Amino acid sequence: MAIDNELDEDLIAEGISREFVNRVQNMRKNNKLEVTDRIKVSVNSDEQLIKYLTKFNEYITNEILADTIEYDNTLDGYKEELSIGDFKCEITISKVI
């Protein structure tokens, strides 16, 4: 029996989403937010990255304690330009008051 070692779209999306969570958690730390602080997130990136993230939106929002994730760049707050997988993106986080 052969093992299928091809990554399908779901596995790629899950890996990208986990990496996104890791990056946002680091941003929270860099911005000196408490682990319990709720945040809003804005992402500006390639259409494919947005597709992967929206597929795991519920998982991501739960992990990073986000009230919302917007897929544009309209949020004011702490901003970083990052690479996630092969995608470049700009992520902004803002503490919910």
PDB file of N, CA and C in Angstrom:
ATOM      1  N   MET A   1       0.842  -1.176   0.000  1.00  0.00           N
ATOM      2  CA  MET A   1       0.000   0.000   0.000  1.00  0.00           C
ATOM      3  C   MET A   1       0.896   1.252   0.000  1.00  0.00           C
ATOM      4  N   ALA A   2       0.606   2.160  -0.862  1.00  0.00           N
ATOM      5  CA  ALA A   2       1.378   3.399  -0.969  1.00  0.00           C
ATOM      6  C   ALA A   2       0.727   4.484  -0.114  1.00  0.00           C
ATOM      7  N   ILE A   3       1.559   5.356   0.403  1.00  0.00           N
ATOM      8  CA  ILE A   3       1.060   6.486   1.182  1.00  0.00           C
ATOM      9  C   ILE A   3       0.998   7.703   0.270  1.00  0.00           C
ATOM     10  N   ASP A   4      -0.144   8.379   0.304  1.00  0.00           N
ATOM     11  CA  ASP A   4      -0.313   9.595  -0.495  1.00  0.00           C
ATOM     12  C   ASP A   4       0.330  10.760   0.264  1.00  0.00           C
ATOM     13  N   ASN A   5       1.425  11.278  -0.274  1.00  0.00           N
ATOM     14  CA  ASN A   5       2.117  12.363   0.414  1.00  0.00           C
ATOM     15  C   ASN A   5       1.851  13.723  -0.223  1.00  0.00           C
ATOM     16  N   GLU A   6       0.851  13.800  -1.051  1.00  0.00           N
ATOM     17  CA  GLU A   6       0.446  15.067  -1.659  1.00  0.00           C
ATOM     18  C   GLU A   6      -0.352  15.878  -0.644  1.00  0.00           C
ATOM     19  N   LEU A   7      -0.055  17.170  -0.561  1.00  0.00           N
ATOM     20  CA  LEU A   7      -0.839  18.058   0.293  1.00  0.00           C
ATOM     21  C   LEU A   7      -2.072  18.522  -0.471  1.00  0.00           C
ATOM     22  N   ASP A   8      -3.233  18.334   0.123  1.00  0.00           N
ATOM     23  CA  ASP A   8      -4.436  18.840  -0.540  1.00  0.00           C
ATOM     24  C   ASP A   8      -4.733  20.246  -0.020  1.00  0.00           C
ATOM     25  N   GLU A   9      -5.708  20.876  -0.612  1.00  0.00           N
ATOM     26  CA  GLU A   9      -6.048  22.267  -0.289  1.00  0.00           C
ATOM     27  C   GLU A   9      -6.401  22.440   1.185  1.00  0.00           C
ATOM     28  N   ASP A  10      -7.112  21.466   1.768  1.00  0.00           N
ATOM     29  CA  ASP A  10      -7.499  21.573   3.173  1.00  0.00           C
ATOM     30  C   ASP A  10      -6.283  21.559   4.093  1.00  0.00           C
ATOM     31  N   LEU A  11      -5.337  20.676   3.815  1.00  0.00           N
ATOM     32  CA  LEU A  11      -4.127  20.621   4.640  1.00  0.00           C
ATOM     33  C   LEU A  11      -3.288  21.885   4.498  1.00  0.00           C
ATOM     34  N   ILE A  12      -3.199  22.399   3.293  1.00  0.00           N
ATOM     35  CA  ILE A  12      -2.463  23.649   3.066  1.00  0.00           C
ATOM     36  C   ILE A  12      -3.136  24.785   3.829  1.00  0.00           C
ATOM     37  N   ALA A  13      -4.458  24.881   3.721  1.00  0.00           N
ATOM     38  CA  ALA A  13      -5.213  25.932   4.410  1.00  0.00           C
ATOM     39  C   ALA A  13      -5.039  25.814   5.922  1.00  0.00           C
ATOM     40  N   GLU A  14      -5.058  24.598   6.445  1.00  0.00           N
ATOM     41  CA  GLU A  14      -4.890  24.400   7.883  1.00  0.00           C
ATOM     42  C   GLU A  14      -3.491  24.831   8.332  1.00  0.00           C
ATOM     43  N   GLY A  15      -2.473  24.463   7.579  1.00  0.00           N
ATOM     44  CA  GLY A  15      -1.105  24.855   7.917  1.00  0.00           C
ATOM     45  C   GLY A  15      -0.921  26.366   7.876  1.00  0.00           C
ATOM     46  N   ILE A  16      -1.470  26.992   6.851  1.00  0.00           N
ATOM     47  CA  ILE A  16      -1.394  28.455   6.728  1.00  0.00           C
ATOM     48  C   ILE A  16      -2.115  29.117   7.906  1.00  0.00           C
ATOM     49  N   SER A  17      -3.269  28.582   8.274  1.00  0.00           N
ATOM     50  CA  SER A  17      -4.048  29.146   9.383  1.00  0.00           C
ATOM     51  C   SER A  17      -3.296  29.028  10.706  1.00  0.00           C
ATOM     52  N   ARG A  18      -2.657  27.898  10.928  1.00  0.00           N
ATOM     53  CA  ARG A  18      -1.869  27.719  12.157  1.00  0.00           C
ATOM     54  C   ARG A  18      -0.698  28.697  12.202  1.00  0.00           C
ATOM     55  N   GLU A  19      -0.049  28.887  11.071  1.00  0.00           N
ATOM     56  CA  GLU A  19       1.060  29.845  11.004  1.00  0.00           C
ATOM     57  C   GLU A  19       0.553  31.263  11.247  1.00  0.00           C
ATOM     58  N   PHE A  20      -0.615  31.592  10.701  1.00  0.00           N
ATOM     59  CA  PHE A  20      -1.218  32.901  10.916  1.00  0.00           C
ATOM     60  C   PHE A  20      -1.480  33.133  12.406  1.00  0.00           C
ATOM     61  N   VAL A  21      -2.042  32.132  13.084  1.00  0.00           N
ATOM     62  CA  VAL A  21      -2.300  32.222  14.519  1.00  0.00           C
ATOM     63  C   VAL A  21      -0.996  32.494  15.265  1.00  0.00           C
ATOM     64  N   ASN A  22       0.052  31.765  14.920  1.00  0.00           N
ATOM     65  CA  ASN A  22       1.351  31.950  15.557  1.00  0.00           C
ATOM     66  C   ASN A  22       1.862  33.374  15.371  1.00  0.00           C
ATOM     67  N   ARG A  23       1.751  33.889  14.156  1.00  0.00           N
ATOM     68  CA  ARG A  23       2.228  35.248  13.869  1.00  0.00           C
ATOM     69  C   ARG A  23       1.443  36.295  14.646  1.00  0.00           C
ATOM     70  N   VAL A  24       0.112  36.132  14.698  1.00  0.00           N
ATOM     71  CA  VAL A  24      -0.713  37.104  15.425  1.00  0.00           C
ATOM     72  C   VAL A  24      -0.422  37.026  16.926  1.00  0.00           C
ATOM     73  N   GLN A  25      -0.206  35.830  17.451  1.00  0.00           N
ATOM     74  CA  GLN A  25       0.125  35.700  18.871  1.00  0.00           C
ATOM     75  C   GLN A  25       1.442  36.416  19.174  1.00  0.00           C
ATOM     76  N   ASN A  26       2.413  36.304  18.271  1.00  0.00           N
ATOM     77  CA  ASN A  26       3.675  37.030  18.442  1.00  0.00           C
ATOM     78  C   ASN A  26       3.457  38.539  18.381  1.00  0.00           C
ATOM     79  N   MET A  27       2.561  38.980  17.491  1.00  0.00           N
ATOM     80  CA  MET A  27       2.240  40.400  17.401  1.00  0.00           C
ATOM     81  C   MET A  27       1.612  40.891  18.706  1.00  0.00           C
ATOM     82  N   ARG A  28       0.725  40.083  19.286  1.00  0.00           N
ATOM     83  CA  ARG A  28       0.104  40.435  20.566  1.00  0.00           C
ATOM     84  C   ARG A  28       1.189  40.643  21.622  1.00  0.00           C
ATOM     85  N   LYS A  29       2.132  39.716  21.650  1.00  0.00           N
ATOM     86  CA  LYS A  29       3.239  39.787  22.618  1.00  0.00           C
ATOM     87  C   LYS A  29       4.097  41.032  22.368  1.00  0.00           C
ATOM     88  N   ASN A  30       4.446  41.291  21.106  1.00  0.00           N
ATOM     89  CA  ASN A  30       5.260  42.460  20.755  1.00  0.00           C
ATOM     90  C   ASN A  30       4.557  43.769  21.118  1.00  0.00           C
ATOM     91  N   ASN A  31       3.234  43.747  21.085  1.00  0.00           N
ATOM     92  CA  ASN A  31       2.437  44.937  21.376  1.00  0.00           C
ATOM     93  C   ASN A  31       2.050  45.007  22.862  1.00  0.00           C
ATOM     94  N   LYS A  32       2.600  44.077  23.647  1.00  0.00           N
ATOM     95  CA  LYS A  32       2.383  44.023  25.096  1.00  0.00           C
ATOM     96  C   LYS A  32       0.916  43.903  25.494  1.00  0.00           C
ATOM     97  N   LEU A  33       0.162  43.129  24.711  1.00  0.00           N
ATOM     98  CA  LEU A  33      -1.226  42.862  25.059  1.00  0.00           C
ATOM     99  C   LEU A  33      -1.282  41.695  26.042  1.00  0.00           C
ATOM    100  N   GLU A  34      -2.262  41.723  26.916  1.00  0.00           N
ATOM    101  CA  GLU A  34      -2.479  40.617  27.849  1.00  0.00           C
ATOM    102  C   GLU A  34      -3.045  39.425  27.088  1.00  0.00           C
ATOM    103  N   VAL A  35      -2.812  38.215  27.608  1.00  0.00           N
ATOM    104  CA  VAL A  35      -3.313  37.011  26.930  1.00  0.00           C
ATOM    105  C   VAL A  35      -4.832  36.985  26.866  1.00  0.00           C
ATOM    106  N   THR A  36      -5.483  37.696  27.756  1.00  0.00           N
ATOM    107  CA  THR A  36      -6.947  37.699  27.788  1.00  0.00           C
ATOM    108  C   THR A  36      -7.570  38.851  26.998  1.00  0.00           C
ATOM    109  N   ASP A  37      -6.743  39.777  26.494  1.00  0.00           N
ATOM    110  CA  ASP A  37      -7.266  40.913  25.733  1.00  0.00           C
ATOM    111  C   ASP A  37      -7.915  40.453  24.427  1.00  0.00           C
ATOM    112  N   ARG A  38      -9.107  40.958  24.169  1.00  0.00           N
ATOM    113  CA  ARG A  38      -9.784  40.708  22.895  1.00  0.00           C
ATOM    114  C   ARG A  38      -9.212  41.677  21.864  1.00  0.00           C
ATOM    115  N   ILE A  39      -9.123  41.230  20.613  1.00  0.00           N
ATOM    116  CA  ILE A  39      -8.567  42.086  19.565  1.00  0.00           C
ATOM    117  C   ILE A  39      -9.447  42.080  18.324  1.00  0.00           C
ATOM    118  N   LYS A  40      -9.191  43.068  17.474  1.00  0.00           N
ATOM    119  CA  LYS A  40      -9.725  43.103  16.109  1.00  0.00           C
ATOM    120  C   LYS A  40      -8.519  42.922  15.208  1.00  0.00           C
ATOM    121  N   VAL A  41      -8.722  42.259  14.081  1.00  0.00           N
ATOM    122  CA  VAL A  41      -7.614  41.966  13.166  1.00  0.00           C
ATOM    123  C   VAL A  41      -8.007  42.373  11.752  1.00  0.00           C
ATOM    124  N   SER A  42      -7.048  42.932  11.048  1.00  0.00           N
ATOM    125  CA  SER A  42      -7.229  43.259   9.642  1.00  0.00           C
ATOM    126  C   SER A  42      -6.072  42.632   8.866  1.00  0.00           C
ATOM    127  N   VAL A  43      -6.392  42.007   7.734  1.00  0.00           N
ATOM    128  CA  VAL A  43      -5.377  41.358   6.902  1.00  0.00           C
ATOM    129  C   VAL A  43      -5.491  41.884   5.490  1.00  0.00           C
ATOM    130  N   ASN A  44      -4.359  42.262   4.928  1.00  0.00           N
ATOM    131  CA  ASN A  44      -4.311  42.683   3.538  1.00  0.00           C
ATOM    132  C   ASN A  44      -3.321  41.767   2.838  1.00  0.00           C
ATOM    133  N   SER A  45      -3.798  40.989   1.866  1.00  0.00           N
ATOM    134  CA  SER A  45      -2.915  40.028   1.207  1.00  0.00           C
ATOM    135  C   SER A  45      -3.522  39.515  -0.089  1.00  0.00           C
ATOM    136  N   ASP A  46      -2.829  38.537  -0.620  1.00  0.00           N
ATOM    137  CA  ASP A  46      -3.217  37.814  -1.826  1.00  0.00           C
ATOM    138  C   ASP A  46      -4.571  37.125  -1.628  1.00  0.00           C
ATOM    139  N   GLU A  47      -5.341  37.058  -2.690  1.00  0.00           N
ATOM    140  CA  GLU A  47      -6.666  36.432  -2.643  1.00  0.00           C
ATOM    141  C   GLU A  47      -6.604  34.982  -2.155  1.00  0.00           C
ATOM    142  N   GLN A  48      -5.568  34.253  -2.529  1.00  0.00           N
ATOM    143  CA  GLN A  48      -5.448  32.840  -2.127  1.00  0.00           C
ATOM    144  C   GLN A  48      -5.225  32.712  -0.622  1.00  0.00           C
ATOM    145  N   LEU A  49      -4.397  33.573  -0.040  1.00  0.00           N
ATOM    146  CA  LEU A  49      -4.186  33.535   1.410  1.00  0.00           C
ATOM    147  C   LEU A  49      -5.490  33.835   2.136  1.00  0.00           C
ATOM    148  N   ILE A  50      -6.208  34.828   1.659  1.00  0.00           N
ATOM    149  CA  ILE A  50      -7.500  35.177   2.265  1.00  0.00           C
ATOM    150  C   ILE A  50      -8.449  33.978   2.194  1.00  0.00           C
ATOM    151  N   LYS A  51      -8.447  33.266   1.089  1.00  0.00           N
ATOM    152  CA  LYS A  51      -9.298  32.077   0.928  1.00  0.00           C
ATOM    153  C   LYS A  51      -8.946  31.024   1.981  1.00  0.00           C
ATOM    154  N   TYR A  52      -7.645  30.788   2.189  1.00  0.00           N
ATOM    155  CA  TYR A  52      -7.213  29.805   3.189  1.00  0.00           C
ATOM    156  C   TYR A  52      -7.636  30.228   4.596  1.00  0.00           C
ATOM    157  N   LEU A  53      -7.467  31.513   4.903  1.00  0.00           N
ATOM    158  CA  LEU A  53      -7.791  31.996   6.248  1.00  0.00           C
ATOM    159  C   LEU A  53      -9.293  31.960   6.519  1.00  0.00           C
ATOM    160  N   THR A  54     -10.094  32.321   5.531  1.00  0.00           N
ATOM    161  CA  THR A  54     -11.543  32.322   5.750  1.00  0.00           C
ATOM    162  C   THR A  54     -12.066  30.898   5.945  1.00  0.00           C
ATOM    163  N   LYS A  55     -11.393  29.935   5.366  1.00  0.00           N
ATOM    164  CA  LYS A  55     -11.797  28.531   5.531  1.00  0.00           C
ATOM    165  C   LYS A  55     -11.690  28.101   6.997  1.00  0.00           C
ATOM    166  N   PHE A  56     -10.716  28.663   7.719  1.00  0.00           N
ATOM    167  CA  PHE A  56     -10.499  28.325   9.127  1.00  0.00           C
ATOM    168  C   PHE A  56     -10.757  29.531  10.038  1.00  0.00           C
ATOM    169  N   ASN A  57     -11.665  30.403   9.619  1.00  0.00           N
ATOM    170  CA  ASN A  57     -11.947  31.637  10.349  1.00  0.00           C
ATOM    171  C   ASN A  57     -12.338  31.392  11.802  1.00  0.00           C
ATOM    172  N   GLU A  58     -13.205  30.424  12.054  1.00  0.00           N
ATOM    173  CA  GLU A  58     -13.668  30.159  13.424  1.00  0.00           C
ATOM    174  C   GLU A  58     -12.507  29.692  14.311  1.00  0.00           C
ATOM    175  N   TYR A  59     -11.694  28.790  13.799  1.00  0.00           N
ATOM    176  CA  TYR A  59     -10.515  28.320  14.541  1.00  0.00           C
ATOM    177  C   TYR A  59      -9.590  29.501  14.874  1.00  0.00           C
ATOM    178  N   ILE A  60      -9.312  30.336  13.878  1.00  0.00           N
ATOM    179  CA  ILE A  60      -8.392  31.460  14.063  1.00  0.00           C
ATOM    180  C   ILE A  60      -8.931  32.435  15.101  1.00  0.00           C
ATOM    181  N   THR A  61     -10.193  32.837  14.967  1.00  0.00           N
ATOM    182  CA  THR A  61     -10.755  33.821  15.903  1.00  0.00           C
ATOM    183  C   THR A  61     -10.745  33.289  17.335  1.00  0.00           C
ATOM    184  N   ASN A  62     -11.014  32.011  17.507  1.00  0.00           N
ATOM    185  CA  ASN A  62     -10.988  31.419  18.847  1.00  0.00           C
ATOM    186  C   ASN A  62      -9.575  31.409  19.425  1.00  0.00           C
ATOM    187  N   GLU A  63      -8.603  31.053  18.626  1.00  0.00           N
ATOM    188  CA  GLU A  63      -7.223  30.938  19.099  1.00  0.00           C
ATOM    189  C   GLU A  63      -6.606  32.289  19.455  1.00  0.00           C
ATOM    190  N   ILE A  64      -6.917  33.319  18.701  1.00  0.00           N
ATOM    191  CA  ILE A  64      -6.278  34.624  18.933  1.00  0.00           C
ATOM    192  C   ILE A  64      -7.175  35.601  19.692  1.00  0.00           C
ATOM    193  N   LEU A  65      -8.345  35.115  20.134  1.00  0.00           N
ATOM    194  CA  LEU A  65      -9.314  35.950  20.858  1.00  0.00           C
ATOM    195  C   LEU A  65      -9.707  37.184  20.058  1.00  0.00           C
ATOM    196  N   ALA A  66     -10.014  36.981  18.793  1.00  0.00           N
ATOM    197  CA  ALA A  66     -10.406  38.089  17.920  1.00  0.00           C
ATOM    198  C   ALA A  66     -11.926  38.208  17.858  1.00  0.00           C
ATOM    199  N   ASP A  67     -12.415  39.418  18.040  1.00  0.00           N
ATOM    200  CA  ASP A  67     -13.844  39.669  17.842  1.00  0.00           C
ATOM    201  C   ASP A  67     -14.171  39.650  16.359  1.00  0.00           C
ATOM    202  N   THR A  68     -13.251  40.209  15.550  1.00  0.00           N
ATOM    203  CA  THR A  68     -13.460  40.238  14.104  1.00  0.00           C
ATOM    204  C   THR A  68     -12.121  40.078  13.381  1.00  0.00           C
ATOM    205  N   ILE A  69     -12.216  39.522  12.181  1.00  0.00           N
ATOM    206  CA  ILE A  69     -11.098  39.526  11.241  1.00  0.00           C
ATOM    207  C   ILE A  69     -11.635  40.118   9.954  1.00  0.00           C
ATOM    208  N   GLU A  70     -11.053  41.244   9.557  1.00  0.00           N
ATOM    209  CA  GLU A  70     -11.452  41.900   8.319  1.00  0.00           C
ATOM    210  C   GLU A  70     -10.375  41.644   7.275  1.00  0.00           C
ATOM    211  N   TYR A  71     -10.804  41.415   6.062  1.00  0.00           N
ATOM    212  CA  TYR A  71      -9.843  41.110   5.000  1.00  0.00           C
ATOM    213  C   TYR A  71      -9.662  42.315   4.092  1.00  0.00           C
ATOM    214  N   ASP A  72      -9.239  43.387   4.720  1.00  0.00           N
ATOM    215  CA  ASP A  72      -8.858  44.618   4.043  1.00  0.00           C
ATOM    216  C   ASP A  72      -7.892  45.319   4.982  1.00  0.00           C
ATOM    217  N   ASN A  73      -7.525  46.517   4.708  1.00  0.00           N
ATOM    218  CA  ASN A  73      -6.549  47.176   5.564  1.00  0.00           C
ATOM    219  C   ASN A  73      -7.104  48.488   6.096  1.00  0.00           C
ATOM    220  N   THR A  74      -8.245  48.432   6.743  1.00  0.00           N
ATOM    221  CA  THR A  74      -8.885  49.650   7.212  1.00  0.00           C
ATOM    222  C   THR A  74      -8.690  49.891   8.700  1.00  0.00           C
ATOM    223  N   LEU A  75      -8.087  48.959   9.399  1.00  0.00           N
ATOM    224  CA  LEU A  75      -7.948  49.043  10.847  1.00  0.00           C
ATOM    225  C   LEU A  75      -6.725  49.860  11.248  1.00  0.00           C
ATOM    226  N   ASP A  76      -6.894  50.735  12.227  1.00  0.00           N
ATOM    227  CA  ASP A  76      -5.760  51.437  12.824  1.00  0.00           C
ATOM    228  C   ASP A  76      -5.274  50.602  13.999  1.00  0.00           C
ATOM    229  N   GLY A  77      -3.964  50.501  14.145  1.00  0.00           N
ATOM    230  CA  GLY A  77      -3.426  49.740  15.263  1.00  0.00           C
ATOM    231  C   GLY A  77      -1.995  49.314  15.005  1.00  0.00           C
ATOM    232  N   TYR A  78      -1.569  48.280  15.698  1.00  0.00           N
ATOM    233  CA  TYR A  78      -0.222  47.747  15.578  1.00  0.00           C
ATOM    234  C   TYR A  78      -0.141  46.929  14.289  1.00  0.00           C
ATOM    235  N   LYS A  79       0.803  47.273  13.417  1.00  0.00           N
ATOM    236  CA  LYS A  79       0.857  46.695  12.073  1.00  0.00           C
ATOM    237  C   LYS A  79       2.223  46.068  11.814  1.00  0.00           C
ATOM    238  N   GLU A  80       2.208  44.900  11.157  1.00  0.00           N
ATOM    239  CA  GLU A  80       3.443  44.252  10.719  1.00  0.00           C
ATOM    240  C   GLU A  80       3.257  43.701   9.315  1.00  0.00           C
ATOM    241  N   GLU A  81       4.334  43.748   8.527  1.00  0.00           N
ATOM    242  CA  GLU A  81       4.354  43.091   7.226  1.00  0.00           C
ATOM    243  C   GLU A  81       5.083  41.772   7.411  1.00  0.00           C
ATOM    244  N   LEU A  82       4.429  40.681   7.030  1.00  0.00           N
ATOM    245  CA  LEU A  82       4.947  39.345   7.285  1.00  0.00           C
ATOM    246  C   LEU A  82       4.834  38.465   6.059  1.00  0.00           C
ATOM    247  N   SER A  83       5.536  37.348   6.107  1.00  0.00           N
ATOM    248  CA  SER A  83       5.371  36.294   5.112  1.00  0.00           C
ATOM    249  C   SER A  83       4.810  35.077   5.818  1.00  0.00           C
ATOM    250  N   ILE A  84       3.772  34.523   5.237  1.00  0.00           N
ATOM    251  CA  ILE A  84       3.176  33.287   5.743  1.00  0.00           C
ATOM    252  C   ILE A  84       3.159  32.322   4.577  1.00  0.00           C
ATOM    253  N   GLY A  85       3.938  31.257   4.694  1.00  0.00           N
ATOM    254  CA  GLY A  85       4.121  30.369   3.553  1.00  0.00           C
ATOM    255  C   GLY A  85       4.745  31.171   2.427  1.00  0.00           C
ATOM    256  N   ASP A  86       4.176  31.090   1.253  1.00  0.00           N
ATOM    257  CA  ASP A  86       4.667  31.839   0.091  1.00  0.00           C
ATOM    258  C   ASP A  86       4.001  33.205  -0.057  1.00  0.00           C
ATOM    259  N   PHE A  87       3.161  33.574   0.910  1.00  0.00           N
ATOM    260  CA  PHE A  87       2.361  34.786   0.794  1.00  0.00           C
ATOM    261  C   PHE A  87       2.911  35.915   1.654  1.00  0.00           C
ATOM    262  N   LYS A  88       2.927  37.099   1.078  1.00  0.00           N
ATOM    263  CA  LYS A  88       3.255  38.302   1.844  1.00  0.00           C
ATOM    264  C   LYS A  88       1.933  38.926   2.281  1.00  0.00           C
ATOM    265  N   CYS A  89       1.923  39.458   3.503  1.00  0.00           N
ATOM    266  CA  CYS A  89       0.695  40.072   3.983  1.00  0.00           C
ATOM    267  C   CYS A  89       1.013  41.183   4.972  1.00  0.00           C
ATOM    268  N   GLU A  90       0.022  42.025   5.182  1.00  0.00           N
ATOM    269  CA  GLU A  90       0.101  43.070   6.183  1.00  0.00           C
ATOM    270  C   GLU A  90      -1.020  42.790   7.176  1.00  0.00           C
ATOM    271  N   ILE A  91      -0.628  42.625   8.437  1.00  0.00           N
ATOM    272  CA  ILE A  91      -1.594  42.314   9.487  1.00  0.00           C
ATOM    273  C   ILE A  91      -1.614  43.474  10.477  1.00  0.00           C
ATOM    274  N   THR A  92      -2.806  43.892  10.831  1.00  0.00           N
ATOM    275  CA  THR A  92      -2.992  44.948  11.830  1.00  0.00           C
ATOM    276  C   THR A  92      -3.845  44.389  12.949  1.00  0.00           C
ATOM    277  N   ILE A  93      -3.422  44.640  14.206  1.00  0.00           N
ATOM    278  CA  ILE A  93      -4.242  44.240  15.348  1.00  0.00           C
ATOM    279  C   ILE A  93      -4.531  45.453  16.205  1.00  0.00           C
ATOM    280  N   SER A  94      -5.691  45.418  16.831  1.00  0.00           N
ATOM    281  CA  SER A  94      -6.100  46.515  17.688  1.00  0.00           C
ATOM    282  C   SER A  94      -6.877  45.924  18.868  1.00  0.00           C
ATOM    283  N   LYS A  95      -6.547  46.373  20.071  1.00  0.00           N
ATOM    284  CA  LYS A  95      -7.238  45.891  21.272  1.00  0.00           C
ATOM    285  C   LYS A  95      -8.670  46.389  21.278  1.00  0.00           C
ATOM    286  N   VAL A  96      -9.600  45.495  21.613  1.00  0.00           N
ATOM    287  CA  VAL A  96     -11.001  45.874  21.755  1.00  0.00           C
ATOM    288  C   VAL A  96     -11.164  46.499  23.132  1.00  0.00           C
ATOM    289  N   ILE A  97     -11.746  47.680  23.153  1.00  0.00           N
ATOM    290  CA  ILE A  97     -11.893  48.401  24.421  1.00  0.00           C
ATOM    291  C   ILE A  97     -13.281  48.201  24.990  1.00  0.00           C
TER     292      ILE A  97
END
